[in-house]
Protein backbone atom coordinates (compact mmCIF):
# COMPACT_ATOMS: atom_id res chain seq x y z
CA MET A 1 0.00 0.00 0.00
CA GLN A 2 1.16 3.51 -0.76
CA LEU A 3 0.10 6.94 0.55
CA GLN A 4 0.01 9.86 -1.88
CA GLU A 5 -0.40 13.48 -0.81
CA VAL A 6 -3.11 15.14 -2.89
CA SER A 7 -1.46 17.85 -4.99
CA THR A 8 -2.57 17.49 -8.63
CA LYS A 9 -5.93 18.15 -10.31
CA ALA A 10 -6.26 14.44 -11.03
CA GLN A 11 -5.71 13.56 -7.37
CA GLN A 12 -8.22 16.20 -6.31
CA ALA A 13 -10.81 14.62 -8.60
CA GLU A 14 -9.93 11.14 -7.31
CA PHE A 15 -10.45 12.35 -3.73
CA VAL A 16 -14.19 12.74 -4.41
CA GLU A 17 -14.60 10.00 -7.01
CA MET A 18 -13.20 7.23 -4.80
CA ALA A 19 -15.99 7.83 -2.30
CA ALA A 20 -18.61 7.56 -5.06
CA ARG A 21 -17.15 4.19 -6.09
CA LEU A 22 -16.92 2.99 -2.50
CA TYR A 23 -20.62 3.72 -1.83
CA ARG A 24 -22.00 2.89 -5.28
CA ASN A 25 -24.15 0.05 -3.92
CA GLU A 26 -25.40 1.93 -0.84
CA GLU A 27 -28.89 3.26 -1.57
CA ASN A 28 -28.95 5.48 1.53
CA TRP A 29 -25.70 7.30 0.73
CA ILE A 30 -26.14 10.67 -0.99
CA ARG A 31 -23.13 12.05 -2.80
CA PRO A 32 -22.09 15.44 -1.38
CA LEU A 33 -21.61 18.26 -3.84
CA ASP A 34 -18.05 17.99 -5.14
CA LYS A 35 -17.61 21.76 -4.88
CA ASP A 36 -18.66 21.81 -1.22
CA ILE A 37 -15.75 19.49 -0.39
CA GLU A 38 -13.14 20.84 -2.78
CA ASP A 39 -13.68 24.47 -1.70
CA LEU A 40 -12.55 23.59 1.83
CA PHE A 41 -9.01 22.84 0.68
CA HIS A 42 -8.15 26.06 -1.16
CA PRO A 43 -7.20 29.49 0.23
CA GLU A 44 -9.41 31.25 -2.34
CA THR A 45 -12.55 29.59 -0.95
CA ASN A 46 -11.71 28.86 2.71
CA LYS A 47 -10.78 31.93 4.74
CA LEU A 48 -9.23 29.79 7.51
CA PHE A 49 -6.08 29.58 5.41
CA LYS A 50 -5.73 33.36 5.70
CA THR A 51 -5.76 33.26 9.49
CA GLY A 52 -3.21 30.51 10.03
CA GLY A 53 -5.20 27.41 9.10
CA LYS A 54 -3.43 24.48 7.44
CA ALA A 55 -4.71 21.41 5.63
CA ILE A 56 -3.38 18.32 3.91
CA ARG A 57 -5.01 15.26 2.39
CA TRP A 58 -3.97 11.84 1.17
CA LEU A 59 -5.04 9.01 -1.07
CA LEU A 60 -4.19 5.41 -0.18
CA LEU A 61 -3.46 3.06 -3.08
CA ASP A 62 -3.17 -0.71 -3.06
CA ASP A 63 -0.37 -2.60 -4.78
CA GLU A 64 -2.24 -2.54 -8.11
CA GLY A 65 -2.66 1.24 -7.98
CA ASN A 66 -6.34 1.26 -7.01
CA THR A 67 -7.51 3.87 -4.51
CA ILE A 68 -8.72 2.13 -1.36
CA GLY A 69 -8.82 5.04 1.09
CA ARG A 70 -8.53 8.76 1.67
CA ASN A 71 -8.07 11.08 4.63
CA ALA A 72 -7.38 14.71 5.49
CA ALA A 73 -5.88 16.57 8.43
CA PHE A 74 -6.12 20.22 9.34
CA ILE A 75 -5.36 22.86 11.92
CA ASN A 76 -8.17 25.28 12.67
CA PRO A 77 -6.82 28.49 14.27
CA LYS A 78 -10.21 29.14 15.88
CA TRP A 79 -9.99 26.07 18.11
CA LYS A 80 -9.19 26.92 21.71
CA GLU A 81 -8.44 23.76 23.65
CA LYS A 82 -6.54 22.80 26.82
CA GLN A 83 -4.01 21.07 24.61
CA PRO A 84 -3.29 22.04 20.98
CA THR A 85 -5.74 19.93 18.97
CA GLY A 86 -5.97 19.34 15.25
CA GLY A 87 -8.60 17.66 13.15
CA MET A 88 -8.88 14.77 10.75
CA GLY A 89 -11.78 14.13 8.43
CA PHE A 90 -13.16 13.09 5.07
CA PHE A 91 -11.95 9.62 5.97
CA GLU A 92 -13.10 6.86 3.64
CA CYS A 93 -11.64 3.37 3.52
CA ILE A 94 -12.29 -0.23 2.60
CA ASN A 95 -12.91 -2.58 5.51
CA ASP A 96 -9.24 -3.21 6.24
CA GLN A 97 -7.67 -2.27 9.57
CA LYS A 98 -4.13 -1.99 8.21
CA ALA A 99 -5.27 0.43 5.52
CA ALA A 100 -7.31 2.51 7.97
CA PHE A 101 -4.45 2.69 10.47
CA MET A 102 -2.09 3.94 7.74
CA LEU A 103 -4.49 6.80 7.08
CA PHE A 104 -4.89 7.56 10.79
CA ASP A 105 -1.11 7.44 11.28
CA ALA A 106 -0.57 9.92 8.45
CA ALA A 107 -2.91 12.43 10.09
CA ARG A 108 -1.40 11.86 13.54
CA ASP A 109 2.18 12.25 12.36
CA TRP A 110 1.47 15.40 10.35
CA LEU A 111 -0.40 17.00 13.25
CA LYS A 112 2.38 16.07 15.66
CA ALA A 113 4.87 17.79 13.39
CA GLN A 114 2.67 20.92 13.53
CA GLY A 115 2.86 20.95 17.33
CA MET A 116 -0.52 19.37 18.04
CA GLU A 117 -1.09 17.05 21.01
CA ALA A 118 -4.42 15.51 19.96
CA MET A 119 -6.70 15.07 16.97
CA ASP A 120 -10.48 15.11 16.73
CA GLY A 121 -12.28 13.23 14.04
CA PRO A 122 -13.96 12.85 11.79
CA VAL A 123 -14.44 16.61 11.61
CA ASN A 124 -14.55 19.38 9.04
CA PHE A 125 -12.02 22.07 8.12
CA GLY A 126 -14.58 24.72 8.97
CA GLU A 127 -17.66 25.09 11.16
CA ARG A 128 -19.19 22.29 13.19
CA ASP A 129 -22.44 22.26 11.22
CA LYS A 130 -20.87 20.37 8.30
CA TRP A 131 -19.39 16.83 8.10
CA TRP A 132 -18.81 16.54 11.81
CA GLY A 133 -18.91 13.22 13.61
CA LEU A 134 -19.03 9.54 12.67
CA LEU A 135 -22.48 8.06 12.07
CA VAL A 136 -22.94 5.16 14.50
CA ASP A 137 -26.73 4.76 14.60
CA GLY A 138 -29.60 5.64 12.27
CA TYR A 139 -28.37 4.80 8.78
CA ALA A 140 -31.14 6.65 6.96
CA PRO A 141 -30.17 9.00 4.10
CA PRO A 142 -28.02 11.87 5.37
CA ASN A 143 -29.14 15.45 5.64
CA TYR A 144 -27.25 18.07 3.68
CA ASN A 145 -23.58 18.26 4.66
CA MET A 146 -23.94 15.53 7.27
CA TYR A 147 -21.57 12.58 7.32
CA TRP A 148 -22.82 9.14 6.25
CA ASN A 149 -20.44 6.20 6.54
CA PHE A 150 -20.28 2.42 6.67
CA PRO A 151 -21.05 0.87 10.09
CA TYR A 152 -17.61 -0.77 10.22
CA TYR A 153 -15.93 2.65 10.48
CA ARG A 154 -16.79 2.77 14.18
CA GLU A 155 -14.77 -0.39 14.84
CA LEU A 156 -11.81 1.02 12.90
CA PHE A 157 -11.80 4.30 14.85
CA GLU A 158 -12.14 2.67 18.25
CA ALA A 159 -9.60 -0.08 17.53
CA TYR A 160 -7.06 2.63 16.72
CA GLY A 161 -7.65 4.27 20.10
CA PHE A 162 -10.06 7.10 19.36
CA GLN A 163 -12.39 7.83 22.30
CA VAL A 164 -15.79 9.52 22.26
CA TYR A 165 -15.31 13.23 22.95
CA PHE A 166 -19.02 13.96 22.53
CA ARG A 167 -22.10 12.58 20.84
CA GLN A 168 -24.31 14.50 18.44
CA TYR A 169 -27.95 13.57 18.14
CA THR A 170 -30.40 14.18 15.32
CA TYR A 171 -33.95 14.34 16.69
CA MET A 172 -37.04 13.77 14.57
CA ARG A 173 -40.77 14.18 15.00
CA PRO A 174 -43.85 14.46 12.77
CA VAL A 175 -44.95 17.98 11.81
CA ARG A 176 -48.63 17.31 12.48
CA GLY A 177 -50.60 15.77 15.29
CA VAL A 178 -47.96 16.20 17.97
CA THR A 179 -48.88 16.91 21.57
CA LEU A 180 -46.33 18.63 23.74
CA ASP A 181 -45.36 18.02 27.34
CA PRO A 182 -48.27 19.26 29.56
CA LYS A 183 -45.95 21.55 31.53
CA MET A 184 -44.73 23.02 28.26
CA GLU A 185 -48.31 23.69 27.15
CA GLU A 186 -49.06 25.39 30.48
CA ARG A 187 -46.00 27.66 30.30
CA ALA A 188 -46.88 28.51 26.71
CA ARG A 189 -50.41 29.63 27.63
CA THR A 190 -49.04 31.99 30.27
CA ILE A 191 -46.70 33.67 27.79
CA LEU A 192 -49.27 33.81 24.99
CA GLN A 193 -51.71 35.66 27.26
CA ASP A 194 -49.14 38.44 27.69
CA GLU A 195 -49.73 41.08 24.99
CA ASP A 196 -46.09 42.17 25.13
CA PHE A 197 -45.12 38.93 23.36
CA GLN A 198 -45.59 38.26 19.66
CA PHE A 199 -44.57 35.23 17.60
CA ARG A 200 -44.60 35.24 13.80
CA TYR A 201 -42.83 34.40 10.58
CA LEU A 202 -41.33 37.27 8.58
CA LYS A 203 -43.42 38.35 5.63
CA GLY A 204 -42.26 39.84 2.34
CA LYS A 205 -39.79 42.71 2.67
CA GLU A 206 -39.37 42.17 6.39
CA LEU A 207 -37.71 38.81 5.74
CA TRP A 208 -35.11 40.22 3.36
CA GLU A 209 -34.58 43.56 5.11
CA LYS A 210 -34.88 42.80 8.83
CA PHE A 211 -33.83 39.14 9.20
CA PRO A 212 -30.08 39.94 9.49
CA GLU A 213 -30.67 42.43 12.31
CA TYR A 214 -33.12 40.20 14.20
CA PHE A 215 -30.97 37.08 13.82
CA MET A 216 -27.79 38.85 14.89
CA LYS A 217 -29.39 40.24 18.06
CA VAL A 218 -30.71 36.89 19.27
CA TYR A 219 -27.77 34.77 18.16
CA ASN A 220 -25.14 36.97 19.79
CA LYS A 221 -26.94 36.76 23.13
CA ALA A 222 -28.13 33.16 22.98
CA TRP A 223 -25.25 31.34 21.29
CA ALA A 224 -22.08 33.42 21.12
CA ARG A 225 -20.83 32.50 24.59
CA HIS A 226 -21.12 28.78 23.74
CA MET A 227 -19.83 28.91 20.16
CA GLY A 228 -16.97 31.29 20.92
CA LYS A 229 -17.88 33.87 18.28
CA THR A 230 -20.40 36.56 17.54
CA ILE A 231 -22.01 37.11 14.16
CA SER A 232 -22.19 40.43 12.35
CA GLU A 233 -25.23 41.73 10.51
CA ARG A 234 -23.25 41.31 7.29
CA GLU A 235 -22.61 37.62 8.08
CA ALA A 236 -26.30 37.11 8.88
CA ARG A 237 -27.20 38.69 5.54
CA LEU A 238 -24.76 36.38 3.77
CA MET A 239 -26.37 33.39 5.49
CA LEU A 240 -29.79 34.54 4.26
CA THR A 241 -28.43 34.96 0.73
CA LYS A 242 -27.10 31.40 0.75
CA MET A 243 -30.49 30.09 1.91
CA LYS A 244 -32.40 32.10 -0.72
CA PRO A 245 -32.64 29.34 -3.39
CA VAL A 246 -34.47 27.04 -0.97
CA ILE A 247 -35.93 29.29 1.72
CA ASP A 248 -39.55 28.85 2.75
CA PRO A 249 -40.73 31.96 4.68
CA TYR A 250 -43.03 29.83 6.84
CA LEU A 251 -39.95 28.09 8.26
CA VAL A 252 -38.29 31.25 9.61
CA TYR A 253 -39.99 32.08 12.91
CA PHE A 254 -39.22 34.75 15.52
CA GLY A 255 -40.45 35.72 18.96
CA PHE A 256 -40.61 39.37 20.05
CA TYR A 257 -41.00 41.08 23.40
CA LYS A 258 -42.15 44.71 23.23
CA GLY A 259 -41.07 44.73 19.61
CA GLU A 260 -37.53 43.43 20.24
CA PRO A 261 -36.49 39.97 18.96
CA VAL A 262 -35.90 37.51 21.80
CA SER A 263 -36.11 34.09 20.15
CA PHE A 264 -36.06 32.28 16.83
CA PHE A 265 -35.97 28.98 15.12
CA ILE A 266 -34.71 28.75 11.56
CA ASN A 267 -35.68 25.80 9.38
CA ILE A 268 -35.18 25.02 5.71
CA PRO A 269 -36.47 22.29 3.41
CA GLU A 270 -34.07 19.34 3.62
CA ILE A 271 -32.24 19.95 0.35
CA ASN A 272 -30.36 16.67 0.21
CA GLN A 273 -33.70 15.31 -0.95
CA LEU A 274 -33.02 17.41 -4.06
CA PHE A 275 -29.24 17.10 -4.31
CA LYS A 276 -29.45 13.32 -4.44
CA TYR A 277 -30.48 13.69 -8.10
CA VAL A 278 -27.46 15.75 -9.24
CA ASN A 279 -24.64 13.24 -8.59
CA GLY A 280 -22.43 15.76 -6.81
CA ARG A 281 -22.40 18.35 -9.60
CA LEU A 282 -24.34 21.60 -9.85
CA ASP A 283 -23.42 22.18 -13.49
CA LEU A 284 -26.12 23.18 -15.97
CA MET A 285 -27.69 19.72 -15.99
CA GLY A 286 -27.43 19.48 -12.21
CA LYS A 287 -29.16 22.84 -11.76
CA LEU A 288 -31.96 21.81 -14.12
CA LYS A 289 -32.48 18.58 -12.17
CA PHE A 290 -32.47 20.55 -8.91
CA LEU A 291 -35.06 23.05 -10.16
CA TRP A 292 -37.29 20.37 -11.68
CA ASN A 293 -37.38 18.35 -8.48
CA ARG A 294 -37.84 21.42 -6.29
CA THR A 295 -40.96 22.24 -8.35
CA PHE A 296 -42.45 18.80 -8.99
CA ASN A 297 -40.89 16.59 -6.32
CA PRO A 298 -40.30 18.93 -3.36
CA PRO A 299 -38.83 17.81 -0.03
CA ASN A 300 -41.27 16.35 2.50
CA LYS A 301 -38.89 16.94 5.38
CA MET A 302 -37.73 20.17 6.97
CA LEU A 303 -34.46 20.62 8.75
CA GLY A 304 -33.95 22.64 11.91
CA LEU A 305 -30.85 24.79 11.49
CA VAL A 306 -30.69 26.80 14.69
CA PHE A 307 -32.88 27.53 17.71
CA GLY A 308 -32.21 30.24 20.27
CA VAL A 309 -33.67 32.27 23.12
CA VAL A 310 -31.84 35.20 24.70
CA PRO A 311 -30.63 34.35 28.23
CA GLU A 312 -32.99 36.64 30.14
CA PHE A 313 -36.00 34.79 28.69
CA GLN A 314 -34.68 31.24 28.90
CA GLY A 315 -36.62 28.84 31.11
CA LYS A 316 -39.61 31.18 31.35
CA GLY A 317 -41.83 29.58 28.73
CA VAL A 318 -40.79 31.56 25.66
CA GLU A 319 -39.52 28.39 23.96
CA SER A 320 -42.84 26.69 24.70
CA ALA A 321 -44.92 29.63 23.51
CA MET A 322 -43.00 30.04 20.26
CA ILE A 323 -43.30 26.35 19.40
CA THR A 324 -46.95 26.08 20.45
CA GLU A 325 -47.94 29.17 18.47
CA TYR A 326 -46.07 27.84 15.43
CA ARG A 327 -47.68 24.42 15.71
CA ASP A 328 -51.21 25.77 16.00
CA ASN A 329 -51.06 28.58 13.43
CA ILE A 330 -48.46 27.55 10.86
CA ALA A 331 -47.45 23.89 10.95
CA GLU A 332 -50.93 22.40 11.18
CA LYS A 333 -52.47 24.77 8.60
CA LYS A 334 -49.94 25.79 5.99
CA LEU A 335 -47.16 23.23 5.67
CA SER A 336 -46.91 20.16 3.47
CA TYR A 337 -43.86 18.73 5.26
CA LYS A 338 -44.30 15.41 7.03
CA THR A 339 -41.36 15.44 9.44
CA ILE A 340 -38.83 17.77 10.98
CA GLU A 341 -35.30 16.79 11.93
CA MET A 342 -33.16 18.76 14.34
CA ASN A 343 -29.49 18.24 13.57
CA TRP A 344 -26.48 18.50 15.79
CA ILE A 345 -27.77 18.40 19.35
CA GLY A 346 -24.62 17.75 21.38
CA ASP A 347 -24.79 15.59 24.48
CA PHE A 348 -22.94 18.43 26.22
CA ASN A 349 -26.06 20.61 25.80
CA PRO A 350 -28.67 19.00 28.10
CA LYS A 351 -30.95 22.06 27.93
CA MET A 352 -31.37 21.66 24.19
CA MET A 353 -31.86 17.92 24.56
CA ARG A 354 -34.68 18.59 27.05
CA VAL A 355 -36.33 21.02 24.62
CA CYS A 356 -36.31 18.32 21.92
CA GLU A 357 -37.76 15.78 24.35
CA GLN A 358 -40.48 18.22 25.42
CA LEU A 359 -41.38 18.55 21.75
CA ASN A 360 -41.91 14.78 21.75
CA ALA A 361 -39.04 14.41 19.30
CA SER A 362 -36.93 11.27 19.55
CA ILE A 363 -33.33 10.51 18.69
CA TYR A 364 -33.18 9.35 15.08
CA LYS A 365 -29.44 9.38 14.35
CA THR A 366 -26.29 9.44 16.46
CA HIS A 367 -22.84 10.69 15.45
CA HIS A 368 -19.67 10.41 17.52
CA THR A 369 -16.95 13.02 17.53
CA TYR A 370 -13.82 11.18 18.64
CA ARG A 371 -10.59 12.46 20.17
CA TYR A 372 -7.20 10.76 20.04
CA LEU A 373 -4.54 11.92 22.51
CA PHE A 374 -0.99 11.56 21.21
CA ASP A 375 0.29 11.00 24.75
CA ARG A 376 -1.39 7.67 25.43
CA GLU A 377 -0.77 7.99 29.19
CA LYS A 378 -2.56 11.33 29.50
CA PRO A 379 -6.02 11.22 31.18
CA PHE A 380 -8.86 11.56 28.70
CA GLU A 381 -11.52 14.23 29.32
CA ARG A 382 -14.84 14.52 27.54
CA HIS A 383 -16.29 17.78 26.22
CA PRO A 384 -17.46 19.98 29.11
CA VAL A 385 -21.21 20.19 29.66
CA PHE A 386 -22.94 23.52 28.99
CA LYS A 387 -24.33 24.98 32.20
């Protein structure tokens, strides 16, 4: 077996094509967009390179020259850990422990040489909302930019010595006919009787003109202290622009107190139900297939992107009121979606897990984010729990 560092155009193409060959008989696998993966590895399209980020990737070939595995390693300058920690991801491999360990060793050795003391994987060279964690339960088709892998990958990771740093859950529930926890219903009624509160989706111009301001205000209070970064109004506008081709205004819902935004949940149609027809390419033919299916074969599942309540209103029933009002006035009357999935609920966030449970949502998929300490004698610590 031979490792090759990816450096040529042909190797870059092989990096995505080998996965398509590996999964060609797996009906639940959906090929990611080639561009979504390739853009991560170039300074022109990934700004992490401009702030000190580094990345490398490999192909693994057998003795006949056939590609039997791939892997990548990266250093994200935004990560702030007790010990310097790098990442490895985009791992794909045949069911062969020797081959897998060669790929893991390559990432470990490169990260060691960069001064790292641990590696997390499989993770993304970017934000946590994409290709983060190994699928270990719930092998249904993946949501957009979520990792789908063979079940035997878990054994390969754990045999090498990776340990679970945290688990990520995907919750699912039907859109219609769902009763909520009685205590949740009671708290909701109290809030909804208060005329200072208002819950609504954003109509027309308000969506395009005011969403960035509303989103920024809530996000920076509700999430910034956990995620380690704030978001600017410009970044929120860019997020809206990216969602524009698939946005459904009924799925963007805000709560207000005396006219000021205090909560939101942002959903989109689950677009992997459309991308599965384009075979990884949004060229002219891919775009035509996307548009045709969006019109005549639209998604029947919506995906929860982010949910937040500003700290001063947390635990007071605002979450319950927002969800109850949405269920009674939007979901039951105006939506054609059958299910909603809520991605990326970390086991270190028990408050968010409780919210999902109160919604009568159940765990549908489980991903593991693993950590491998280079000093094998060092005590292992799991991700701290959000208080």
